[in-house]
N, C-alpha and C. Protein backbone atom coordinates (compact mmCIF):
# COMPACT_ATOMS: atom_id res chain seq x y z
N MET A 1 -14.50 27.88 -44.83
CA MET A 1 -15.34 26.79 -44.43
C MET A 1 -14.51 25.51 -44.19
N LYS A 2 -13.59 25.22 -45.13
CA LYS A 2 -12.74 24.04 -44.98
C LYS A 2 -11.83 24.17 -43.77
N LEU A 3 -11.39 25.39 -43.49
CA LEU A 3 -10.53 25.63 -42.34
C LEU A 3 -11.27 25.32 -41.04
N MET A 4 -12.55 25.66 -40.95
CA MET A 4 -13.34 25.37 -39.75
C MET A 4 -13.49 23.86 -39.56
N LYS A 5 -13.69 23.14 -40.68
CA LYS A 5 -13.82 21.69 -40.60
C LYS A 5 -12.51 21.08 -40.11
N LEU A 6 -11.39 21.57 -40.63
CA LEU A 6 -10.09 21.07 -40.19
C LEU A 6 -9.85 21.38 -38.72
N GLU A 7 -10.26 22.56 -38.29
CA GLU A 7 -10.11 22.92 -36.87
C GLU A 7 -10.94 22.01 -35.99
N ARG A 8 -12.16 21.74 -36.42
CA ARG A 8 -13.02 20.83 -35.64
C ARG A 8 -12.44 19.42 -35.58
N ILE A 9 -11.94 18.96 -36.72
CA ILE A 9 -11.33 17.62 -36.76
C ILE A 9 -10.11 17.58 -35.85
N ALA A 10 -9.29 18.62 -35.91
CA ALA A 10 -8.10 18.68 -35.06
C ALA A 10 -8.48 18.71 -33.59
N LEU A 11 -9.51 19.50 -33.25
CA LEU A 11 -9.96 19.59 -31.86
C LEU A 11 -10.53 18.24 -31.40
N LEU A 12 -11.30 17.63 -32.25
CA LEU A 12 -11.86 16.31 -31.92
C LEU A 12 -10.75 15.28 -31.74
N THR A 13 -9.75 15.31 -32.60
CA THR A 13 -8.61 14.40 -32.49
C THR A 13 -7.87 14.60 -31.18
N LEU A 14 -7.62 15.85 -30.83
CA LEU A 14 -6.94 16.15 -29.57
C LEU A 14 -7.76 15.68 -28.37
N THR A 15 -9.07 15.87 -28.44
CA THR A 15 -9.95 15.43 -27.35
C THR A 15 -9.90 13.91 -27.19
N VAL A 16 -9.95 13.20 -28.31
CA VAL A 16 -9.88 11.73 -28.27
C VAL A 16 -8.54 11.28 -27.69
N LEU A 17 -7.45 11.90 -28.15
CA LEU A 17 -6.12 11.53 -27.65
C LEU A 17 -5.98 11.82 -26.16
N ALA A 18 -6.50 12.95 -25.72
CA ALA A 18 -6.43 13.28 -24.29
C ALA A 18 -7.25 12.29 -23.47
N GLY A 19 -8.41 11.92 -23.98
CA GLY A 19 -9.24 10.92 -23.29
C GLY A 19 -8.54 9.58 -23.20
N ALA A 20 -7.93 9.16 -24.30
CA ALA A 20 -7.20 7.89 -24.31
C ALA A 20 -6.04 7.93 -23.31
N HIS A 21 -5.38 9.07 -23.25
CA HIS A 21 -4.27 9.22 -22.30
C HIS A 21 -4.77 9.10 -20.85
N LEU A 22 -5.91 9.72 -20.56
CA LEU A 22 -6.46 9.64 -19.20
C LEU A 22 -6.87 8.22 -18.86
N VAL A 23 -7.46 7.52 -19.80
CA VAL A 23 -7.85 6.13 -19.57
C VAL A 23 -6.62 5.27 -19.30
N GLN A 24 -5.58 5.46 -20.11
CA GLN A 24 -4.35 4.71 -19.94
C GLN A 24 -3.69 5.02 -18.60
N ARG A 25 -3.69 6.29 -18.21
CA ARG A 25 -3.10 6.70 -16.93
C ARG A 25 -3.87 6.08 -15.77
N ASP A 26 -5.21 6.06 -15.88
CA ASP A 26 -6.03 5.46 -14.83
C ASP A 26 -5.76 3.96 -14.74
N ARG A 27 -5.65 3.29 -15.87
CA ARG A 27 -5.36 1.85 -15.88
C ARG A 27 -4.01 1.56 -15.25
N HIS A 28 -3.02 2.36 -15.59
CA HIS A 28 -1.69 2.18 -15.02
C HIS A 28 -1.71 2.41 -13.51
N HIS A 29 -2.46 3.40 -13.06
CA HIS A 29 -2.56 3.67 -11.63
C HIS A 29 -3.22 2.49 -10.90
N ARG A 30 -4.30 1.94 -11.47
CA ARG A 30 -4.95 0.78 -10.85
C ARG A 30 -4.02 -0.42 -10.82
N GLN A 31 -3.24 -0.62 -11.88
CA GLN A 31 -2.28 -1.72 -11.90
C GLN A 31 -1.21 -1.53 -10.82
N SER A 32 -0.76 -0.30 -10.64
CA SER A 32 0.23 -0.01 -9.58
C SER A 32 -0.35 -0.31 -8.21
N LEU A 33 -1.60 0.06 -7.99
CA LEU A 33 -2.25 -0.23 -6.72
C LEU A 33 -2.42 -1.74 -6.53
N ASP A 34 -2.80 -2.45 -7.59
CA ASP A 34 -2.93 -3.91 -7.53
C ASP A 34 -1.59 -4.54 -7.13
N LEU A 35 -0.52 -4.08 -7.76
CA LEU A 35 0.80 -4.64 -7.45
C LEU A 35 1.20 -4.36 -6.01
N ALA A 36 0.97 -3.14 -5.54
CA ALA A 36 1.34 -2.79 -4.16
C ALA A 36 0.52 -3.61 -3.17
N THR A 37 -0.76 -3.75 -3.42
CA THR A 37 -1.62 -4.54 -2.53
C THR A 37 -1.22 -6.01 -2.56
N ALA A 38 -0.97 -6.53 -3.74
CA ALA A 38 -0.55 -7.94 -3.88
C ALA A 38 0.77 -8.19 -3.15
N ASP A 39 1.68 -7.22 -3.24
CA ASP A 39 2.97 -7.37 -2.55
C ASP A 39 2.76 -7.45 -1.05
N ARG A 40 1.93 -6.59 -0.51
CA ARG A 40 1.65 -6.63 0.94
C ARG A 40 0.99 -7.95 1.33
N GLN A 41 0.02 -8.39 0.52
CA GLN A 41 -0.66 -9.65 0.80
C GLN A 41 0.32 -10.81 0.75
N GLU A 42 1.19 -10.81 -0.24
CA GLU A 42 2.17 -11.89 -0.37
C GLU A 42 3.11 -11.91 0.83
N ARG A 43 3.58 -10.74 1.25
CA ARG A 43 4.47 -10.71 2.40
C ARG A 43 3.76 -11.20 3.66
N TRP A 44 2.50 -10.83 3.82
CA TRP A 44 1.74 -11.29 4.99
C TRP A 44 1.56 -12.81 4.93
N LEU A 45 1.19 -13.33 3.78
CA LEU A 45 1.00 -14.78 3.64
C LEU A 45 2.31 -15.53 3.86
N ARG A 46 3.40 -15.01 3.34
CA ARG A 46 4.69 -15.67 3.55
C ARG A 46 5.07 -15.64 5.03
N GLY A 47 4.69 -14.58 5.73
CA GLY A 47 4.93 -14.53 7.17
C GLY A 47 4.12 -15.60 7.91
N ILE A 48 2.86 -15.76 7.51
CA ILE A 48 2.00 -16.79 8.10
C ILE A 48 2.57 -18.17 7.81
N ILE A 49 2.96 -18.38 6.55
CA ILE A 49 3.46 -19.69 6.13
C ILE A 49 4.78 -20.03 6.82
N GLY A 50 5.61 -19.04 7.05
CA GLY A 50 6.94 -19.30 7.59
C GLY A 50 7.10 -19.12 9.08
N THR A 51 6.06 -18.65 9.75
CA THR A 51 6.17 -18.39 11.19
C THR A 51 5.04 -19.11 11.93
N PRO A 52 5.35 -20.22 12.57
CA PRO A 52 4.30 -21.00 13.24
C PRO A 52 3.49 -20.18 14.27
N GLU A 53 4.14 -19.25 14.96
CA GLU A 53 3.42 -18.44 15.95
C GLU A 53 2.36 -17.56 15.29
N LEU A 54 2.69 -16.99 14.14
CA LEU A 54 1.71 -16.17 13.41
C LEU A 54 0.57 -17.03 12.89
N ALA A 55 0.90 -18.19 12.35
CA ALA A 55 -0.13 -19.09 11.86
C ALA A 55 -1.08 -19.47 12.99
N GLU A 56 -0.53 -19.74 14.15
CA GLU A 56 -1.34 -20.10 15.32
C GLU A 56 -2.25 -18.93 15.71
N ALA A 57 -1.73 -17.72 15.65
CA ALA A 57 -2.51 -16.54 16.05
C ALA A 57 -3.63 -16.22 15.07
N TRP A 58 -3.44 -16.48 13.79
CA TRP A 58 -4.39 -16.07 12.77
C TRP A 58 -5.34 -17.17 12.32
N LYS A 59 -5.07 -18.40 12.67
CA LYS A 59 -5.87 -19.51 12.16
C LYS A 59 -7.29 -19.50 12.75
N PRO A 60 -8.26 -19.99 11.98
CA PRO A 60 -9.59 -20.21 12.55
C PRO A 60 -9.52 -21.27 13.66
N GLU A 61 -10.42 -21.22 14.60
CA GLU A 61 -10.36 -22.11 15.76
C GLU A 61 -10.46 -23.59 15.38
N ASP A 62 -11.16 -23.89 14.30
CA ASP A 62 -11.37 -25.29 13.95
C ASP A 62 -10.27 -25.87 13.05
N LEU A 63 -9.20 -25.12 12.83
CA LEU A 63 -8.07 -25.61 12.03
C LEU A 63 -6.82 -25.66 12.89
N SER A 64 -5.96 -26.61 12.58
CA SER A 64 -4.64 -26.60 13.21
C SER A 64 -3.78 -25.58 12.47
N ALA A 65 -2.70 -25.15 13.08
CA ALA A 65 -1.79 -24.20 12.43
C ALA A 65 -1.24 -24.80 11.14
N GLU A 66 -0.94 -26.08 11.16
CA GLU A 66 -0.40 -26.75 9.97
C GLU A 66 -1.41 -26.74 8.82
N GLU A 67 -2.68 -27.04 9.14
CA GLU A 67 -3.72 -27.01 8.11
C GLU A 67 -3.88 -25.59 7.55
N PHE A 68 -3.85 -24.60 8.45
CA PHE A 68 -4.00 -23.21 8.05
C PHE A 68 -2.86 -22.77 7.12
N VAL A 69 -1.65 -23.18 7.46
CA VAL A 69 -0.49 -22.85 6.61
C VAL A 69 -0.67 -23.45 5.22
N THR A 70 -1.13 -24.67 5.15
CA THR A 70 -1.36 -25.32 3.85
C THR A 70 -2.39 -24.55 3.04
N LEU A 71 -3.49 -24.16 3.68
CA LEU A 71 -4.52 -23.40 2.97
C LEU A 71 -4.02 -22.02 2.55
N MET A 72 -3.19 -21.40 3.37
CA MET A 72 -2.67 -20.08 3.01
C MET A 72 -1.66 -20.17 1.87
N SER A 73 -0.97 -21.31 1.74
CA SER A 73 -0.09 -21.47 0.58
C SER A 73 -0.93 -21.58 -0.69
N ALA A 74 -2.09 -22.21 -0.59
CA ALA A 74 -3.02 -22.26 -1.73
C ALA A 74 -3.54 -20.86 -2.03
N ASN A 75 -3.84 -20.09 -1.00
CA ASN A 75 -4.30 -18.71 -1.17
C ASN A 75 -3.24 -17.89 -1.90
N LEU A 76 -2.00 -18.09 -1.55
CA LEU A 76 -0.90 -17.37 -2.21
C LEU A 76 -0.88 -17.71 -3.70
N ALA A 77 -1.03 -18.97 -4.04
CA ALA A 77 -1.04 -19.38 -5.44
C ALA A 77 -2.24 -18.79 -6.18
N LEU A 78 -3.40 -18.79 -5.56
CA LEU A 78 -4.60 -18.24 -6.20
C LEU A 78 -4.50 -16.73 -6.36
N GLY A 79 -3.90 -16.07 -5.38
CA GLY A 79 -3.71 -14.62 -5.47
C GLY A 79 -2.80 -14.25 -6.63
N THR A 80 -1.73 -15.00 -6.80
CA THR A 80 -0.81 -14.76 -7.91
C THR A 80 -1.52 -15.02 -9.24
N HIS A 81 -2.29 -16.09 -9.29
CA HIS A 81 -3.06 -16.43 -10.49
C HIS A 81 -4.01 -15.29 -10.86
N SER A 82 -4.73 -14.78 -9.90
CA SER A 82 -5.68 -13.69 -10.14
C SER A 82 -4.97 -12.41 -10.58
N LEU A 83 -3.86 -12.10 -9.92
CA LEU A 83 -3.12 -10.88 -10.26
C LEU A 83 -2.61 -10.93 -11.70
N ARG A 84 -2.10 -12.06 -12.12
CA ARG A 84 -1.58 -12.18 -13.50
C ARG A 84 -2.68 -11.85 -14.52
N TYR A 85 -3.88 -12.30 -14.25
CA TYR A 85 -4.99 -12.02 -15.17
C TYR A 85 -5.39 -10.54 -15.09
N ARG A 86 -5.51 -10.01 -13.89
CA ARG A 86 -5.92 -8.61 -13.73
C ARG A 86 -4.91 -7.65 -14.36
N LEU A 87 -3.64 -8.01 -14.38
CA LEU A 87 -2.63 -7.15 -14.98
C LEU A 87 -2.51 -7.35 -16.48
N GLY A 88 -3.23 -8.33 -17.03
CA GLY A 88 -3.19 -8.56 -18.46
C GLY A 88 -2.05 -9.45 -18.91
N ILE A 89 -1.37 -10.09 -17.97
CA ILE A 89 -0.27 -10.98 -18.33
C ILE A 89 -0.81 -12.26 -18.96
N ASP A 90 -1.91 -12.77 -18.41
CA ASP A 90 -2.53 -13.99 -18.93
C ASP A 90 -3.81 -13.64 -19.68
N SER A 91 -4.02 -14.31 -20.80
CA SER A 91 -5.29 -14.18 -21.53
C SER A 91 -6.37 -14.93 -20.76
N THR A 92 -7.61 -14.77 -21.18
CA THR A 92 -8.71 -15.49 -20.54
C THR A 92 -8.50 -17.01 -20.66
N GLU A 93 -8.03 -17.45 -21.81
CA GLU A 93 -7.79 -18.89 -22.02
C GLU A 93 -6.68 -19.39 -21.10
N GLN A 94 -5.60 -18.62 -20.97
CA GLN A 94 -4.52 -19.01 -20.06
C GLN A 94 -5.01 -19.03 -18.62
N MET A 95 -5.79 -18.01 -18.26
CA MET A 95 -6.31 -17.94 -16.89
C MET A 95 -7.16 -19.18 -16.57
N ARG A 96 -7.99 -19.58 -17.51
CA ARG A 96 -8.82 -20.78 -17.29
C ARG A 96 -7.96 -22.04 -17.20
N PHE A 97 -6.93 -22.12 -18.04
CA PHE A 97 -6.02 -23.26 -17.99
C PHE A 97 -5.35 -23.34 -16.62
N TYR A 98 -4.83 -22.21 -16.13
CA TYR A 98 -4.16 -22.20 -14.83
C TYR A 98 -5.14 -22.46 -13.69
N ALA A 99 -6.38 -22.01 -13.84
CA ALA A 99 -7.39 -22.30 -12.82
C ALA A 99 -7.58 -23.82 -12.71
N ALA A 100 -7.69 -24.48 -13.85
CA ALA A 100 -7.85 -25.94 -13.85
C ALA A 100 -6.62 -26.63 -13.28
N LEU A 101 -5.46 -26.13 -13.64
CA LEU A 101 -4.21 -26.70 -13.14
C LEU A 101 -4.13 -26.55 -11.61
N LEU A 102 -4.45 -25.39 -11.11
CA LEU A 102 -4.42 -25.17 -9.66
C LEU A 102 -5.43 -26.06 -8.95
N MET A 103 -6.63 -26.20 -9.52
CA MET A 103 -7.66 -27.01 -8.88
C MET A 103 -7.36 -28.49 -8.93
N SER A 104 -6.38 -28.88 -9.70
CA SER A 104 -5.98 -30.30 -9.70
C SER A 104 -5.17 -30.63 -8.45
N THR A 105 -4.85 -29.60 -7.67
CA THR A 105 -4.07 -29.76 -6.44
C THR A 105 -5.02 -29.82 -5.23
N LYS A 106 -4.82 -30.82 -4.40
CA LYS A 106 -5.72 -31.06 -3.27
C LYS A 106 -5.83 -29.85 -2.34
N CYS A 107 -4.70 -29.24 -2.00
CA CYS A 107 -4.77 -28.12 -1.04
C CYS A 107 -5.52 -26.92 -1.61
N VAL A 108 -5.47 -26.73 -2.94
CA VAL A 108 -6.21 -25.63 -3.56
C VAL A 108 -7.71 -25.93 -3.51
N ARG A 109 -8.08 -27.17 -3.78
CA ARG A 109 -9.50 -27.55 -3.66
C ARG A 109 -9.97 -27.38 -2.23
N GLN A 110 -9.15 -27.78 -1.26
CA GLN A 110 -9.54 -27.61 0.15
C GLN A 110 -9.69 -26.14 0.51
N TYR A 111 -8.77 -25.32 -0.01
CA TYR A 111 -8.89 -23.88 0.23
C TYR A 111 -10.20 -23.35 -0.34
N TRP A 112 -10.52 -23.76 -1.58
CA TRP A 112 -11.73 -23.28 -2.23
C TRP A 112 -12.98 -23.73 -1.46
N GLU A 113 -12.96 -24.97 -0.97
CA GLU A 113 -14.09 -25.45 -0.17
C GLU A 113 -14.30 -24.59 1.06
N ARG A 114 -13.21 -24.21 1.67
CA ARG A 114 -13.26 -23.45 2.93
C ARG A 114 -13.49 -21.95 2.71
N PHE A 115 -12.79 -21.36 1.73
CA PHE A 115 -12.80 -19.91 1.59
C PHE A 115 -13.32 -19.41 0.24
N GLY A 116 -13.77 -20.29 -0.62
CA GLY A 116 -14.25 -19.87 -1.94
C GLY A 116 -15.40 -18.88 -1.87
N ALA A 117 -16.33 -19.12 -0.95
CA ALA A 117 -17.46 -18.19 -0.80
C ALA A 117 -16.98 -16.80 -0.37
N THR A 118 -15.95 -16.75 0.45
CA THR A 118 -15.38 -15.46 0.86
C THR A 118 -14.77 -14.75 -0.33
N ARG A 119 -14.03 -15.47 -1.15
CA ARG A 119 -13.43 -14.87 -2.35
C ARG A 119 -14.52 -14.35 -3.28
N GLU A 120 -15.60 -15.11 -3.42
CA GLU A 120 -16.69 -14.67 -4.29
C GLU A 120 -17.38 -13.44 -3.72
N SER A 121 -17.53 -13.36 -2.41
CA SER A 121 -18.12 -12.17 -1.78
C SER A 121 -17.23 -10.94 -2.00
N GLU A 122 -15.93 -11.13 -1.91
CA GLU A 122 -15.00 -10.02 -2.15
C GLU A 122 -15.16 -9.50 -3.58
N ALA A 123 -15.39 -10.39 -4.52
CA ALA A 123 -15.49 -9.99 -5.92
C ALA A 123 -16.77 -9.21 -6.20
N VAL A 124 -17.81 -9.43 -5.41
CA VAL A 124 -19.05 -8.69 -5.60
C VAL A 124 -18.79 -7.20 -5.45
N HIS A 125 -17.91 -6.84 -4.54
CA HIS A 125 -17.62 -5.44 -4.29
C HIS A 125 -16.33 -5.00 -4.98
N GLY A 126 -15.76 -5.87 -5.77
CA GLY A 126 -14.47 -5.57 -6.40
C GLY A 126 -14.60 -5.38 -7.89
N GLU A 127 -13.54 -5.71 -8.57
CA GLU A 127 -13.49 -5.51 -10.01
C GLU A 127 -14.15 -6.67 -10.75
N ARG A 128 -14.60 -6.37 -11.94
CA ARG A 128 -15.21 -7.37 -12.80
C ARG A 128 -14.24 -8.51 -13.07
N GLN A 129 -12.95 -8.19 -13.25
CA GLN A 129 -11.96 -9.22 -13.57
C GLN A 129 -11.82 -10.22 -12.44
N LEU A 130 -11.94 -9.77 -11.20
CA LEU A 130 -11.85 -10.68 -10.07
C LEU A 130 -13.01 -11.67 -10.11
N GLY A 131 -14.19 -11.20 -10.46
CA GLY A 131 -15.33 -12.10 -10.62
C GLY A 131 -15.11 -13.11 -11.73
N THR A 132 -14.48 -12.69 -12.82
CA THR A 132 -14.18 -13.58 -13.93
C THR A 132 -13.23 -14.68 -13.49
N VAL A 133 -12.22 -14.32 -12.73
CA VAL A 133 -11.26 -15.31 -12.22
C VAL A 133 -11.97 -16.28 -11.28
N ASN A 134 -12.77 -15.75 -10.37
CA ASN A 134 -13.48 -16.62 -9.43
C ASN A 134 -14.45 -17.55 -10.14
N ASP A 135 -15.11 -17.06 -11.18
CA ASP A 135 -16.00 -17.92 -11.96
C ASP A 135 -15.22 -19.07 -12.59
N ALA A 136 -14.05 -18.76 -13.14
CA ALA A 136 -13.21 -19.80 -13.73
C ALA A 136 -12.74 -20.79 -12.67
N LEU A 137 -12.39 -20.29 -11.50
CA LEU A 137 -11.96 -21.17 -10.41
C LEU A 137 -13.11 -22.07 -9.96
N ALA A 138 -14.32 -21.52 -9.88
CA ALA A 138 -15.48 -22.32 -9.47
C ALA A 138 -15.76 -23.43 -10.47
N VAL A 139 -15.68 -23.12 -11.75
CA VAL A 139 -15.88 -24.13 -12.79
C VAL A 139 -14.79 -25.20 -12.70
N ALA A 140 -13.56 -24.76 -12.55
CA ALA A 140 -12.44 -25.70 -12.45
C ALA A 140 -12.58 -26.58 -11.21
N TYR A 141 -13.06 -25.99 -10.11
CA TYR A 141 -13.27 -26.76 -8.88
C TYR A 141 -14.31 -27.86 -9.11
N LYS A 142 -15.43 -27.50 -9.72
CA LYS A 142 -16.49 -28.49 -9.97
C LYS A 142 -15.97 -29.62 -10.88
N PHE A 143 -15.21 -29.25 -11.89
CA PHE A 143 -14.65 -30.26 -12.79
C PHE A 143 -13.67 -31.17 -12.04
N ALA A 144 -12.80 -30.58 -11.24
CA ALA A 144 -11.81 -31.36 -10.49
C ALA A 144 -12.50 -32.29 -9.50
N ARG A 145 -13.56 -31.82 -8.86
CA ARG A 145 -14.31 -32.66 -7.91
C ARG A 145 -14.95 -33.84 -8.64
N ARG A 146 -15.54 -33.55 -9.80
CA ARG A 146 -16.14 -34.62 -10.60
C ARG A 146 -15.10 -35.66 -11.01
N GLU A 147 -13.95 -35.18 -11.44
CA GLU A 147 -12.85 -36.08 -11.82
C GLU A 147 -12.41 -36.92 -10.63
N GLN A 148 -12.32 -36.29 -9.47
CA GLN A 148 -11.91 -36.99 -8.26
C GLN A 148 -12.95 -38.05 -7.87
N GLU A 149 -14.22 -37.70 -7.96
CA GLU A 149 -15.28 -38.65 -7.65
C GLU A 149 -15.29 -39.82 -8.63
N ASN A 150 -15.09 -39.52 -9.91
CA ASN A 150 -15.04 -40.59 -10.93
C ASN A 150 -13.86 -41.53 -10.69
N ALA A 151 -12.72 -40.95 -10.32
CA ALA A 151 -11.54 -41.77 -10.04
C ALA A 151 -11.78 -42.65 -8.81
N SER A 152 -12.44 -42.08 -7.80
CA SER A 152 -12.75 -42.86 -6.59
C SER A 152 -13.72 -43.99 -6.91
N ALA A 153 -14.71 -43.73 -7.74
CA ALA A 153 -15.70 -44.75 -8.11
C ALA A 153 -15.05 -45.87 -8.91
N THR A 154 -14.09 -45.52 -9.75
CA THR A 154 -13.38 -46.51 -10.57
C THR A 154 -12.53 -47.43 -9.70
N VAL A 155 -11.90 -46.85 -8.68
CA VAL A 155 -11.03 -47.63 -7.77
C VAL A 155 -11.87 -48.57 -6.93
N SER A 156 -13.06 -48.13 -6.53
CA SER A 156 -13.93 -48.93 -5.64
C SER A 156 -14.52 -50.08 -6.32
């Protein structure tokens, strides 16, 4: 009787360990895909930022190439910020801190004004963590705008 209990416990332990291994392997695979995709995105953005002809070809009609390059540099910073959180490099508190720090920069706020809704739409169909980052960025944006408005009111 005791032998059967030990066998069941051993089988259950092996099942739990195998499940944990599969979860870990899946997480590692998703992280590898995130890194590969981020690398491609970064190379594309650096091409846009560093090549005026590419910036001209890809920019929206209502932006100059120079304005587009500035916004894409903000996109690059936000993409790196998001990736660090998704990979587990930054805690939630660090991610929120960096979101606020990034939103203190004018070009990041301008990027968010222009493309924030697009980033939020992407997160609807993406991972939960991307939505968490976008939520933090939206909060940081609202705070930065309020701070900017208060500073403008004080100067006036």
